[in-house]
PDB file of N, CA and C in Angstrom:
ATOM      1  N   MET A   1     229.077 294.232  67.464  1.00  0.00           N
ATOM      2  CA  MET A   1     229.640 293.488  68.581  1.00  0.00           C
ATOM      3  C   MET A   1     229.032 293.948  69.899  1.00  0.00           C
ATOM      4  N   LYS A   2     228.756 295.250  70.004  1.00  0.00           N
ATOM      5  CA  LYS A   2     228.169 295.802  71.214  1.00  0.00           C
ATOM      6  C   LYS A   2     226.773 295.219  71.447  1.00  0.00           C
ATOM      7  N   ASN A   3     226.001 295.047  70.359  1.00  0.00           N
ATOM      8  CA  ASN A   3     224.655 294.478  70.475  1.00  0.00           C
ATOM      9  C   ASN A   3     224.701 293.013  70.918  1.00  0.00           C
ATOM     10  N   LEU A   4     225.699 292.275  70.446  1.00  0.00           N
ATOM     11  CA  LEU A   4     225.849 290.865  70.832  1.00  0.00           C
ATOM     12  C   LEU A   4     226.159 290.746  72.319  1.00  0.00           C
ATOM     13  N   THR A   5     227.019 291.601  72.833  1.00  0.00           N
ATOM     14  CA  THR A   5     227.372 291.595  74.256  1.00  0.00           C
ATOM     15  C   THR A   5     226.165 291.962  75.101  1.00  0.00           C
ATOM     16  N   LEU A   6     225.408 292.970  74.660  1.00  0.00           N
ATOM     17  CA  LEU A   6     224.222 293.405  75.386  1.00  0.00           C
ATOM     18  C   LEU A   6     223.166 292.291  75.392  1.00  0.00           C
ATOM     19  N   ALA A   7     222.977 291.622  74.255  1.00  0.00           N
ATOM     20  CA  ALA A   7     222.003 290.533  74.156  1.00  0.00           C
ATOM     21  C   ALA A   7     222.417 289.356  75.042  1.00  0.00           C
ATOM     22  N   THR A   8     223.703 289.042  75.091  1.00  0.00           N
ATOM     23  CA  THR A   8     224.201 287.956  75.932  1.00  0.00           C
ATOM     24  C   THR A   8     223.982 288.276  77.408  1.00  0.00           C
ATOM     25  N   ALA A   9     224.257 289.505  77.809  1.00  0.00           N
ATOM     26  CA  ALA A   9     224.066 289.923  79.198  1.00  0.00           C
ATOM     27  C   ALA A   9     222.593 289.864  79.573  1.00  0.00           C
ATOM     28  N   LEU A  10     221.711 290.314  78.668  1.00  0.00           N
ATOM     29  CA  LEU A  10     220.282 290.284  78.928  1.00  0.00           C
ATOM     30  C   LEU A  10     219.781 288.846  79.059  1.00  0.00           C
ATOM     31  N   LEU A  11     220.257 287.980  78.189  1.00  0.00           N
ATOM     32  CA  LEU A  11     219.895 286.566  78.242  1.00  0.00           C
ATOM     33  C   LEU A  11     220.344 285.929  79.564  1.00  0.00           C
ATOM     34  N   ALA A  12     221.548 286.281  80.015  1.00  0.00           N
ATOM     35  CA  ALA A  12     222.066 285.747  81.280  1.00  0.00           C
ATOM     36  C   ALA A  12     221.216 286.206  82.452  1.00  0.00           C
ATOM     37  N   VAL A  13     220.769 287.463  82.454  1.00  0.00           N
ATOM     38  CA  VAL A  13     219.933 287.986  83.537  1.00  0.00           C
ATOM     39  C   VAL A  13     218.577 287.289  83.544  1.00  0.00           C
ATOM     40  N   VAL A  14     217.988 287.101  82.354  1.00  0.00           N
ATOM     41  CA  VAL A  14     216.706 286.407  82.267  1.00  0.00           C
ATOM     42  C   VAL A  14     216.850 284.981  82.768  1.00  0.00           C
ATOM     43  N   TRP A  15     217.894 284.310  82.369  1.00  0.00           N
ATOM     44  CA  TRP A  15     218.127 282.934  82.798  1.00  0.00           C
ATOM     45  C   TRP A  15     218.327 282.852  84.310  1.00  0.00           C
ATOM     46  N   LEU A  16     219.051 283.810  84.857  1.00  0.00           N
ATOM     47  CA  LEU A  16     219.350 283.824  86.285  1.00  0.00           C
ATOM     48  C   LEU A  16     218.084 283.955  87.123  1.00  0.00           C
ATOM     49  N   PHE A  17     217.148 284.795  86.679  1.00  0.00           N
ATOM     50  CA  PHE A  17     215.940 285.047  87.457  1.00  0.00           C
ATOM     51  C   PHE A  17     214.756 284.170  87.056  1.00  0.00           C
ATOM     52  N   SER A  18     214.950 283.257  86.141  1.00  0.00           N
ATOM     53  CA  SER A  18     213.832 282.407  85.713  1.00  0.00           C
ATOM     54  C   SER A  18     213.716 281.139  86.546  1.00  0.00           C
ATOM     55  N   GLY A  19     214.523 280.969  87.565  1.00  0.00           N
ATOM     56  CA  GLY A  19     214.524 279.757  88.365  1.00  0.00           C
ATOM     57  C   GLY A  19     213.364 279.623  89.322  1.00  0.00           C
ATOM     58  N   CYS A  20     212.604 280.663  89.538  1.00  0.00           N
ATOM     59  CA  CYS A  20     211.493 280.599  90.482  1.00  0.00           C
ATOM     60  C   CYS A  20     210.372 279.781  89.878  1.00  0.00           C
ATOM     61  N   ASP A  21     209.979 278.701  90.529  1.00  0.00           N
ATOM     62  CA  ASP A  21     208.925 277.854  89.996  1.00  0.00           C
ATOM     63  C   ASP A  21     207.598 278.045  90.721  1.00  0.00           C
ATOM     64  N   SER A  22     207.514 279.061  91.567  1.00  0.00           N
ATOM     65  CA  SER A  22     206.279 279.258  92.315  1.00  0.00           C
ATOM     66  C   SER A  22     205.228 280.018  91.526  1.00  0.00           C
ATOM     67  N   GLY A  23     205.587 280.548  90.380  1.00  0.00           N
ATOM     68  CA  GLY A  23     204.634 281.298  89.578  1.00  0.00           C
ATOM     69  C   GLY A  23     204.563 282.756  89.969  1.00  0.00           C
ATOM     70  N   GLU A  24     205.223 283.149  91.025  1.00  0.00           N
ATOM     71  CA  GLU A  24     205.223 284.542  91.460  1.00  0.00           C
ATOM     72  C   GLU A  24     206.593 285.141  91.206  1.00  0.00           C
ATOM     73  N   ARG A  25     206.613 286.376  90.819  1.00  0.00           N
ATOM     74  CA  ARG A  25     207.870 287.103  90.648  1.00  0.00           C
ATOM     75  C   ARG A  25     208.007 288.086  91.797  1.00  0.00           C
ATOM     76  N   GLY A  26     209.202 288.215  92.311  1.00  0.00           N
ATOM     77  CA  GLY A  26     209.475 289.195  93.349  1.00  0.00           C
ATOM     78  C   GLY A  26     208.939 288.799  94.713  1.00  0.00           C
ATOM     79  N   HIS A  27     208.666 287.540  94.946  1.00  0.00           N
ATOM     80  CA  HIS A  27     208.174 287.125  96.255  1.00  0.00           C
ATOM     81  C   HIS A  27     209.332 287.015  97.231  1.00  0.00           C
ATOM     82  N   ALA A  28     209.032 287.186  98.488  1.00  0.00           N
ATOM     83  CA  ALA A  28     210.063 287.080  99.521  1.00  0.00           C
ATOM     84  C   ALA A  28     210.425 285.624  99.707  1.00  0.00           C
ATOM     85  N   PRO A  29     211.688 285.325  99.983  1.00  0.00           N
ATOM     86  CA  PRO A  29     212.072 283.935 100.207  1.00  0.00           C
ATOM     87  C   PRO A  29     211.374 283.375 101.437  1.00  0.00           C
ATOM     88  N   SER A  30     211.099 282.108 101.388  1.00  0.00           N
ATOM     89  CA  SER A  30     210.432 281.440 102.491  1.00  0.00           C
ATOM     90  C   SER A  30     211.321 281.427 103.717  1.00  0.00           C
ATOM     91  N   SER A  31     210.724 281.644 104.872  1.00  0.00           N
ATOM     92  CA  SER A  31     211.496 281.600 106.110  1.00  0.00           C
ATOM     93  C   SER A  31     211.444 280.223 106.745  1.00  0.00           C
ATOM     94  N   ALA A  32     210.678 279.310 106.155  1.00  0.00           N
ATOM     95  CA  ALA A  32     210.585 277.957 106.700  1.00  0.00           C
ATOM     96  C   ALA A  32     211.883 277.211 106.444  1.00  0.00           C
ATOM     97  N   PRO A  33     212.362 276.463 107.425  1.00  0.00           N
ATOM     98  CA  PRO A  33     213.590 275.692 107.229  1.00  0.00           C
ATOM     99  C   PRO A  33     213.401 274.649 106.146  1.00  0.00           C
ATOM    100  N   GLU A  34     214.472 274.381 105.441  1.00  0.00           N
ATOM    101  CA  GLU A  34     214.425 273.370 104.402  1.00  0.00           C
ATOM    102  C   GLU A  34     214.433 271.991 105.041  1.00  0.00           C
ATOM    103  N   LYS A  35     213.850 271.039 104.328  1.00  0.00           N
ATOM    104  CA  LYS A  35     213.870 269.659 104.808  1.00  0.00           C
ATOM    105  C   LYS A  35     215.224 269.043 104.532  1.00  0.00           C
ATOM    106  N   THR A  36     215.711 268.283 105.475  1.00  0.00           N
ATOM    107  CA  THR A  36     216.906 267.485 105.245  1.00  0.00           C
ATOM    108  C   THR A  36     216.445 266.122 104.769  1.00  0.00           C
ATOM    109  N   SER A  37     217.364 265.283 104.317  1.00  0.00           N
ATOM    110  CA  SER A  37     216.957 263.963 103.848  1.00  0.00           C
ATOM    111  C   SER A  37     216.335 263.150 104.980  1.00  0.00           C
ATOM    112  N   ALA A  38     216.836 263.307 106.192  1.00  0.00           N
ATOM    113  CA  ALA A  38     216.251 262.585 107.329  1.00  0.00           C
ATOM    114  C   ALA A  38     214.844 263.079 107.603  1.00  0.00           C
ATOM    115  N   ASP A  39     214.631 264.415 107.473  1.00  0.00           N
ATOM    116  CA  ASP A  39     213.307 264.967 107.676  1.00  0.00           C
ATOM    117  C   ASP A  39     212.349 264.459 106.610  1.00  0.00           C
ATOM    118  N   ALA A  40     212.827 264.412 105.372  1.00  0.00           N
ATOM    119  CA  ALA A  40     211.988 263.951 104.274  1.00  0.00           C
ATOM    120  C   ALA A  40     211.550 262.504 104.519  1.00  0.00           C
ATOM    121  N   LYS A  41     212.474 261.674 104.993  1.00  0.00           N
ATOM    122  CA  LYS A  41     212.134 260.279 105.276  1.00  0.00           C
ATOM    123  C   LYS A  41     211.119 260.198 106.417  1.00  0.00           C
ATOM    124  N   ALA A  42     211.260 261.105 107.391  1.00  0.00           N
ATOM    125  CA  ALA A  42     210.352 261.081 108.531  1.00  0.00           C
ATOM    126  C   ALA A  42     209.027 261.751 108.208  1.00  0.00           C
ATOM    127  N   GLY A  43     208.955 262.498 107.104  1.00  0.00           N
ATOM    128  CA  GLY A  43     207.720 263.108 106.678  1.00  0.00           C
ATOM    129  C   GLY A  43     207.374 264.409 107.373  1.00  0.00           C
ATOM    130  N   HIS A  44     208.376 265.158 107.796  1.00  0.00           N
ATOM    131  CA  HIS A  44     208.087 266.442 108.397  1.00  0.00           C
ATOM    132  C   HIS A  44     209.207 267.445 108.144  1.00  0.00           C
ATOM    133  N   LYS A  45     208.924 268.709 108.479  1.00  0.00           N
ATOM    134  CA  LYS A  45     209.889 269.780 108.267  1.00  0.00           C
ATOM    135  C   LYS A  45     210.906 269.813 109.405  1.00  0.00           C
ATOM    136  N   ALA A  46     212.032 270.473 109.148  1.00  0.00           N
ATOM    137  CA  ALA A  46     213.106 270.530 110.135  1.00  0.00           C
ATOM    138  C   ALA A  46     212.684 271.222 111.420  1.00  0.00           C
ATOM    139  N   ASP A  47     211.685 272.122 111.367  1.00  0.00           N
ATOM    140  CA  ASP A  47     211.267 272.819 112.581  1.00  0.00           C
ATOM    141  C   ASP A  47     210.217 272.060 113.388  1.00  0.00           C
ATOM    142  N   GLU A  48     209.874 270.860 112.962  1.00  0.00           N
ATOM    143  CA  GLU A  48     208.883 270.043 113.657  1.00  0.00           C
ATOM    144  C   GLU A  48     209.564 268.924 114.442  1.00  0.00           C
ATOM    145  N   HIS A  49     210.468 269.281 115.311  1.00  0.00           N
ATOM    146  CA  HIS A  49     211.250 268.289 116.035  1.00  0.00           C
ATOM    147  C   HIS A  49     210.874 268.225 117.500  1.00  0.00           C
ATOM    148  N   ALA A  50     209.611 268.294 117.805  1.00  0.00           N
ATOM    149  CA  ALA A  50     209.189 268.186 119.196  1.00  0.00           C
ATOM    150  C   ALA A  50     209.438 266.770 119.687  1.00  0.00           C
ATOM    151  N   GLY A  51     210.327 266.628 120.628  1.00  0.00           N
ATOM    152  CA  GLY A  51     210.559 265.335 121.246  1.00  0.00           C
ATOM    153  C   GLY A  51     211.608 264.452 120.600  1.00  0.00           C
ATOM    154  N   HIS A  52     212.135 264.838 119.449  1.00  0.00           N
ATOM    155  CA  HIS A  52     213.181 264.021 118.842  1.00  0.00           C
ATOM    156  C   HIS A  52     214.015 264.847 117.879  1.00  0.00           C
ATOM    157  N   GLU A  53     215.160 264.336 117.539  1.00  0.00           N
ATOM    158  CA  GLU A  53     216.032 264.971 116.562  1.00  0.00           C
ATOM    159  C   GLU A  53     216.588 263.913 115.643  1.00  0.00           C
ATOM    160  N   HIS A  54     216.790 264.291 114.387  1.00  0.00           N
ATOM    161  CA  HIS A  54     217.396 263.383 113.422  1.00  0.00           C
ATOM    162  C   HIS A  54     218.887 263.627 113.417  1.00  0.00           C
ATOM    163  N   GLY A  55     219.633 262.630 113.016  1.00  0.00           N
ATOM    164  CA  GLY A  55     221.072 262.787 112.916  1.00  0.00           C
ATOM    165  C   GLY A  55     221.796 262.420 114.197  1.00  0.00           C
ATOM    166  N   LYS A  56     221.110 262.374 115.306  1.00  0.00           N
ATOM    167  CA  LYS A  56     221.741 261.973 116.555  1.00  0.00           C
ATOM    168  C   LYS A  56     221.508 260.480 116.743  1.00  0.00           C
ATOM    169  N   ALA A  57     222.479 259.837 117.297  1.00  0.00           N
ATOM    170  CA  ALA A  57     222.362 258.392 117.508  1.00  0.00           C
ATOM    171  C   ALA A  57     221.262 258.121 118.522  1.00  0.00           C
ATOM    172  N   GLU A  58     220.300 257.345 118.110  1.00  0.00           N
ATOM    173  CA  GLU A  58     219.240 256.951 119.021  1.00  0.00           C
ATOM    174  C   GLU A  58     219.649 255.638 119.682  1.00  0.00           C
ATOM    175  N   ALA A  59     219.063 255.337 120.808  1.00  0.00           N
ATOM    176  CA  ALA A  59     219.387 254.098 121.500  1.00  0.00           C
ATOM    177  C   ALA A  59     219.071 252.929 120.567  1.00  0.00           C
ATOM    178  N   LYS A  60     220.070 252.163 120.268  1.00  0.00           N
ATOM    179  CA  LYS A  60     219.917 251.053 119.334  1.00  0.00           C
ATOM    180  C   LYS A  60     219.593 249.791 120.117  1.00  0.00           C
ATOM    181  N   LYS A  61     218.603 249.042 119.626  1.00  0.00           N
ATOM    182  CA  LYS A  61     218.267 247.773 120.257  1.00  0.00           C
ATOM    183  C   LYS A  61     219.393 246.795 119.982  1.00  0.00           C
ATOM    184  N   SER A  62     219.660 245.965 120.940  1.00  0.00           N
ATOM    185  CA  SER A  62     220.710 244.970 120.743  1.00  0.00           C
ATOM    186  C   SER A  62     220.119 243.568 120.885  1.00  0.00           C
ATOM    187  N   LEU A  63     220.852 242.623 120.380  1.00  0.00           N
ATOM    188  CA  LEU A  63     220.434 241.229 120.466  1.00  0.00           C
ATOM    189  C   LEU A  63     220.498 240.768 121.915  1.00  0.00           C
ATOM    190  N   PRO A  64     219.605 239.887 122.315  1.00  0.00           N
ATOM    191  CA  PRO A  64     219.660 239.378 123.693  1.00  0.00           C
ATOM    192  C   PRO A  64     220.889 238.500 123.907  1.00  0.00           C
ATOM    193  N   ASP A  65     221.279 238.358 125.154  1.00  0.00           N
ATOM    194  CA  ASP A  65     222.400 237.477 125.496  1.00  0.00           C
ATOM    195  C   ASP A  65     222.103 236.066 125.010  1.00  0.00           C
ATOM    196  N   GLY A  66     223.097 235.426 124.454  1.00  0.00           N
ATOM    197  CA  GLY A  66     222.954 234.060 123.986  1.00  0.00           C
ATOM    198  C   GLY A  66     222.402 233.930 122.574  1.00  0.00           C
ATOM    199  N   ALA A  67     222.028 235.060 121.962  1.00  0.00           N
ATOM    200  CA  ALA A  67     221.481 235.008 120.598  1.00  0.00           C
ATOM    201  C   ALA A  67     222.604 234.755 119.597  1.00  0.00           C
ATOM    202  N   ASN A  68     222.230 234.133 118.468  1.00  0.00           N
ATOM    203  CA  ASN A  68     223.227 233.947 117.412  1.00  0.00           C
ATOM    204  C   ASN A  68     223.603 235.306 116.833  1.00  0.00           C
ATOM    205  N   LYS A  69     224.884 235.531 116.616  1.00  0.00           N
ATOM    206  CA  LYS A  69     225.385 236.817 116.112  1.00  0.00           C
ATOM    207  C   LYS A  69     225.666 236.786 114.617  1.00  0.00           C
ATOM    208  N   VAL A  70     225.589 235.600 114.018  1.00  0.00           N
ATOM    209  CA  VAL A  70     225.855 235.421 112.596  1.00  0.00           C
ATOM    210  C   VAL A  70     224.625 234.791 111.955  1.00  0.00           C
ATOM    211  N   CYS A  71     224.218 235.334 110.821  1.00  0.00           N
ATOM    212  CA  CYS A  71     223.054 234.824 110.104  1.00  0.00           C
ATOM    213  C   CYS A  71     223.341 233.402 109.613  1.00  0.00           C
ATOM    214  N   PRO A  72     222.482 232.443 109.943  1.00  0.00           N
ATOM    215  CA  PRO A  72     222.716 231.065 109.516  1.00  0.00           C
ATOM    216  C   PRO A  72     222.496 230.844 108.018  1.00  0.00           C
ATOM    217  N   VAL A  73     221.914 231.790 107.340  1.00  0.00           N
ATOM    218  CA  VAL A  73     221.670 231.658 105.904  1.00  0.00           C
ATOM    219  C   VAL A  73     222.806 232.279 105.094  1.00  0.00           C
ATOM    220  N   SER A  74     223.197 233.515 105.446  1.00  0.00           N
ATOM    221  CA  SER A  74     224.180 234.244 104.631  1.00  0.00           C
ATOM    222  C   SER A  74     225.565 234.365 105.260  1.00  0.00           C
ATOM    223  N   ASN A  75     225.691 234.007 106.523  1.00  0.00           N
ATOM    224  CA  ASN A  75     226.936 234.177 107.287  1.00  0.00           C
ATOM    225  C   ASN A  75     227.315 235.640 107.494  1.00  0.00           C
ATOM    226  N   GLU A  76     226.348 236.531 107.362  1.00  0.00           N
ATOM    227  CA  GLU A  76     226.561 237.954 107.624  1.00  0.00           C
ATOM    228  C   GLU A  76     226.303 238.239 109.102  1.00  0.00           C
ATOM    229  N   LYS A  77     226.806 239.389 109.572  1.00  0.00           N
ATOM    230  CA  LYS A  77     226.587 239.802 110.950  1.00  0.00           C
ATOM    231  C   LYS A  77     225.102 240.105 111.171  1.00  0.00           C
ATOM    232  N   VAL A  78     224.583 239.667 112.302  1.00  0.00           N
ATOM    233  CA  VAL A  78     223.197 239.941 112.686  1.00  0.00           C
ATOM    234  C   VAL A  78     223.204 241.086 113.679  1.00  0.00           C
ATOM    235  N   ASP A  79     222.400 242.133 113.401  1.00  0.00           N
ATOM    236  CA  ASP A  79     222.359 243.245 114.354  1.00  0.00           C
ATOM    237  C   ASP A  79     220.960 243.801 114.597  1.00  0.00           C
ATOM    238  N   ASP A  80     219.939 243.220 113.969  1.00  0.00           N
ATOM    239  CA  ASP A  80     218.572 243.696 114.165  1.00  0.00           C
ATOM    240  C   ASP A  80     217.788 242.659 114.964  1.00  0.00           C
ATOM    241  N   PRO A  81     217.450 242.981 116.209  1.00  0.00           N
ATOM    242  CA  PRO A  81     216.731 242.009 117.035  1.00  0.00           C
ATOM    243  C   PRO A  81     215.285 241.786 116.593  1.00  0.00           C
ATOM    244  N   ASP A  82     214.820 242.545 115.623  1.00  0.00           N
ATOM    245  CA  ASP A  82     213.456 242.367 115.133  1.00  0.00           C
ATOM    246  C   ASP A  82     213.361 241.413 113.955  1.00  0.00           C
ATOM    247  N   LEU A  83     214.502 240.938 113.436  1.00  0.00           N
ATOM    248  CA  LEU A  83     214.505 239.995 112.323  1.00  0.00           C
ATOM    249  C   LEU A  83     214.842 238.606 112.850  1.00  0.00           C
ATOM    250  N   PHE A  84     213.814 237.799 113.034  1.00  0.00           N
ATOM    251  CA  PHE A  84     214.035 236.450 113.563  1.00  0.00           C
ATOM    252  C   PHE A  84     212.902 235.532 113.143  1.00  0.00           C
ATOM    253  N   VAL A  85     213.167 234.248 113.278  1.00  0.00           N
ATOM    254  CA  VAL A  85     212.135 233.215 113.153  1.00  0.00           C
ATOM    255  C   VAL A  85     212.200 232.402 114.440  1.00  0.00           C
ATOM    256  N   GLU A  86     211.119 231.732 114.752  1.00  0.00           N
ATOM    257  CA  GLU A  86     211.109 230.888 115.943  1.00  0.00           C
ATOM    258  C   GLU A  86     211.088 229.427 115.547  1.00  0.00           C
ATOM    259  N   TYR A  87     211.858 228.671 116.271  1.00  0.00           N
ATOM    260  CA  TYR A  87     211.916 227.222 116.065  1.00  0.00           C
ATOM    261  C   TYR A  87     211.849 226.556 117.417  1.00  0.00           C
ATOM    262  N   GLN A  88     210.797 225.830 117.676  1.00  0.00           N
ATOM    263  CA  GLN A  88     210.573 225.128 118.936  1.00  0.00           C
ATOM    264  C   GLN A  88     210.816 226.029 120.147  1.00  0.00           C
ATOM    265  N   GLY A  89     210.255 227.227 120.081  1.00  0.00           N
ATOM    266  CA  GLY A  89     210.311 228.157 121.206  1.00  0.00           C
ATOM    267  C   GLY A  89     211.575 228.993 121.309  1.00  0.00           C
ATOM    268  N   GLU A  90     212.521 228.837 120.402  1.00  0.00           N
ATOM    269  CA  GLU A  90     213.752 229.643 120.433  1.00  0.00           C
ATOM    270  C   GLU A  90     213.855 230.493 119.183  1.00  0.00           C
ATOM    271  N   ARG A  91     214.461 231.635 119.331  1.00  0.00           N
ATOM    272  CA  ARG A  91     214.595 232.557 118.214  1.00  0.00           C
ATOM    273  C   ARG A  91     215.901 232.343 117.459  1.00  0.00           C
ATOM    274  N   ILE A  92     215.778 232.402 116.158  1.00  0.00           N
ATOM    275  CA  ILE A  92     216.936 232.368 115.265  1.00  0.00           C
ATOM    276  C   ILE A  92     216.974 233.737 114.605  1.00  0.00           C
ATOM    277  N   TYR A  93     218.023 234.509 114.873  1.00  0.00           N
ATOM    278  CA  TYR A  93     218.134 235.870 114.337  1.00  0.00           C
ATOM    279  C   TYR A  93     218.801 235.840 112.973  1.00  0.00           C
ATOM    280  N   LEU A  94     218.294 236.689 112.082  1.00  0.00           N
ATOM    281  CA  LEU A  94     218.783 236.716 110.703  1.00  0.00           C
ATOM    282  C   LEU A  94     219.156 238.146 110.318  1.00  0.00           C
ATOM    283  N   CYS A  95     219.890 238.281 109.215  1.00  0.00           N
ATOM    284  CA  CYS A  95     220.407 239.597 108.824  1.00  0.00           C
ATOM    285  C   CYS A  95     219.444 240.418 107.977  1.00  0.00           C
ATOM    286  N   CYS A  96     218.483 239.781 107.282  1.00  0.00           N
ATOM    287  CA  CYS A  96     217.587 240.521 106.395  1.00  0.00           C
ATOM    288  C   CYS A  96     216.290 239.734 106.182  1.00  0.00           C
ATOM    289  N   LYS A  97     215.316 240.385 105.566  1.00  0.00           N
ATOM    290  CA  LYS A  97     214.021 239.740 105.317  1.00  0.00           C
ATOM    291  C   LYS A  97     214.146 238.571 104.344  1.00  0.00           C
ATOM    292  N   GLY A  98     215.069 238.679 103.399  1.00  0.00           N
ATOM    293  CA  GLY A  98     215.285 237.577 102.464  1.00  0.00           C
ATOM    294  C   GLY A  98     215.757 236.324 103.173  1.00  0.00           C
ATOM    295  N   CYS A  99     216.641 236.502 104.143  1.00  0.00           N
ATOM    296  CA  CYS A  99     217.130 235.359 104.906  1.00  0.00           C
ATOM    297  C   CYS A  99     216.050 234.803 105.830  1.00  0.00           C
ATOM    298  N   VAL A 100     215.167 235.661 106.323  1.00  0.00           N
ATOM    299  CA  VAL A 100     214.041 235.182 107.130  1.00  0.00           C
ATOM    300  C   VAL A 100     213.206 234.225 106.285  1.00  0.00           C
ATOM    301  N   LYS A 101     212.922 234.635 105.056  1.00  0.00           N
ATOM    302  CA  LYS A 101     212.121 233.799 104.148  1.00  0.00           C
ATOM    303  C   LYS A 101     212.823 232.460 103.886  1.00  0.00           C
ATOM    304  N   ARG A 102     214.131 232.506 103.623  1.00  0.00           N
ATOM    305  CA  ARG A 102     214.865 231.270 103.334  1.00  0.00           C
ATOM    306  C   ARG A 102     214.975 230.374 104.564  1.00  0.00           C
ATOM    307  N   ALA A 103     215.133 230.973 105.746  1.00  0.00           N
ATOM    308  CA  ALA A 103     215.229 230.174 106.970  1.00  0.00           C
ATOM    309  C   ALA A 103     213.923 229.433 107.247  1.00  0.00           C
ATOM    310  N   LYS A 104     212.808 230.052 106.899  1.00  0.00           N
ATOM    311  CA  LYS A 104     211.511 229.418 107.127  1.00  0.00           C
ATOM    312  C   LYS A 104     211.342 228.153 106.283  1.00  0.00           C
ATOM    313  N   GLU A 105     212.095 228.031 105.206  1.00  0.00           N
ATOM    314  CA  GLU A 105     212.009 226.850 104.351  1.00  0.00           C
ATOM    315  C   GLU A 105     212.548 225.604 105.052  1.00  0.00           C
ATOM    316  N   ASP A 106     213.523 225.787 105.953  1.00  0.00           N
ATOM    317  CA  ASP A 106     214.077 224.655 106.699  1.00  0.00           C
ATOM    318  C   ASP A 106     214.559 225.169 108.058  1.00  0.00           C
ATOM    319  N   LEU A 107     213.615 225.284 108.978  1.00  0.00           N
ATOM    320  CA  LEU A 107     213.918 225.831 110.305  1.00  0.00           C
ATOM    321  C   LEU A 107     214.942 225.002 111.071  1.00  0.00           C
ATOM    322  N   ALA A 108     214.866 223.688 110.963  1.00  0.00           N
ATOM    323  CA  ALA A 108     215.797 222.824 111.686  1.00  0.00           C
ATOM    324  C   ALA A 108     217.238 223.078 111.234  1.00  0.00           C
ATOM    325  N   ALA A 109     217.439 223.205 109.925  1.00  0.00           N
ATOM    326  CA  ALA A 109     218.787 223.462 109.409  1.00  0.00           C
ATOM    327  C   ALA A 109     219.281 224.847 109.827  1.00  0.00           C
ATOM    328  N   ALA A 110     218.384 225.834 109.807  1.00  0.00           N
ATOM    329  CA  ALA A 110     218.765 227.190 110.224  1.00  0.00           C
ATOM    330  C   ALA A 110     219.154 227.197 111.702  1.00  0.00           C
ATOM    331  N   TYR A 111     218.390 226.481 112.521  1.00  0.00           N
ATOM    332  CA  TYR A 111     218.705 226.403 113.947  1.00  0.00           C
ATOM    333  C   TYR A 111     220.056 225.723 114.168  1.00  0.00           C
ATOM    334  N   ALA A 112     220.275 224.610 113.493  1.00  0.00           N
ATOM    335  CA  ALA A 112     221.530 223.870 113.663  1.00  0.00           C
ATOM    336  C   ALA A 112     222.736 224.720 113.280  1.00  0.00           C
ATOM    337  N   LYS A 113     222.584 225.540 112.255  1.00  0.00           N
ATOM    338  CA  LYS A 113     223.705 226.393 111.833  1.00  0.00           C
ATOM    339  C   LYS A 113     223.850 227.594 112.759  1.00  0.00           C
ATOM    340  N   ALA A 114     222.742 228.130 113.267  1.00  0.00           N
ATOM    341  CA  ALA A 114     222.798 229.288 114.167  1.00  0.00           C
ATOM    342  C   ALA A 114     223.349 228.915 115.529  1.00  0.00           C
ATOM    343  N   TYR A 115     223.015 227.725 116.000  1.00  0.00           N
ATOM    344  CA  TYR A 115     223.426 227.275 117.326  1.00  0.00           C
ATOM    345  C   TYR A 115     224.104 225.919 117.231  1.00  0.00           C
ATOM    346  N   PRO A 116     225.302 225.854 116.657  1.00  0.00           N
ATOM    347  CA  PRO A 116     225.982 224.565 116.558  1.00  0.00           C
ATOM    348  C   PRO A 116     226.257 224.022 117.976  1.00  0.00           C
ATOM    349  N   GLY A 117     226.094 222.753 118.123  1.00  0.00           N
ATOM    350  CA  GLY A 117     226.322 222.138 119.433  1.00  0.00           C
ATOM    351  C   GLY A 117     225.039 221.969 120.232  1.00  0.00           C
ATOM    352  N   LYS A 118     224.017 222.764 119.970  1.00  0.00           N
ATOM    353  CA  LYS A 118     222.717 222.594 120.607  1.00  0.00           C
ATOM    354  C   LYS A 118     221.883 221.753 119.662  1.00  0.00           C
ATOM    355  N   SER A 119     221.216 220.782 120.185  1.00  0.00           N
ATOM    356  CA  SER A 119     220.357 219.982 119.304  1.00  0.00           C
ATOM    357  C   SER A 119     218.910 220.144 119.721  1.00  0.00           C
ATOM    358  N   LYS A 120     218.060 220.264 118.715  1.00  0.00           N
ATOM    359  CA  LYS A 120     216.617 220.341 118.927  1.00  0.00           C
ATOM    360  C   LYS A 120     216.011 219.178 118.167  1.00  0.00           C
ATOM    361  N   LYS A 121     215.176 218.431 118.818  1.00  0.00           N
ATOM    362  CA  LYS A 121     214.541 217.283 118.145  1.00  0.00           C
ATOM    363  C   LYS A 121     213.071 217.476 118.081  1.00  0.00           C
TER     364      LYS A 121
END
């Protein structure tokens, strides 16, 4: 029984210290900050934040005055001023790229639904 306990303890120690995947044993831990998910998306390390920070609210672009606030294709809220199609010189704002594609199939109908009461001929 004593040998079984000793073997189990030895196995646990080996398992505990086998997690290093760098190929080196006894190396000092890295002092570099770990990447956060925001850093990973931005493609840099946490200590490379010259001029910006992740996690803080950045100034969000808003729709211009008079813009449609509801997607004419899906009836979802529109909040990205970069997603739009143009119809006779006016912008129709949409909620996603899929709706942009569908709106392009019938711009007149998308305009009529986005701006009811305004007519474009």
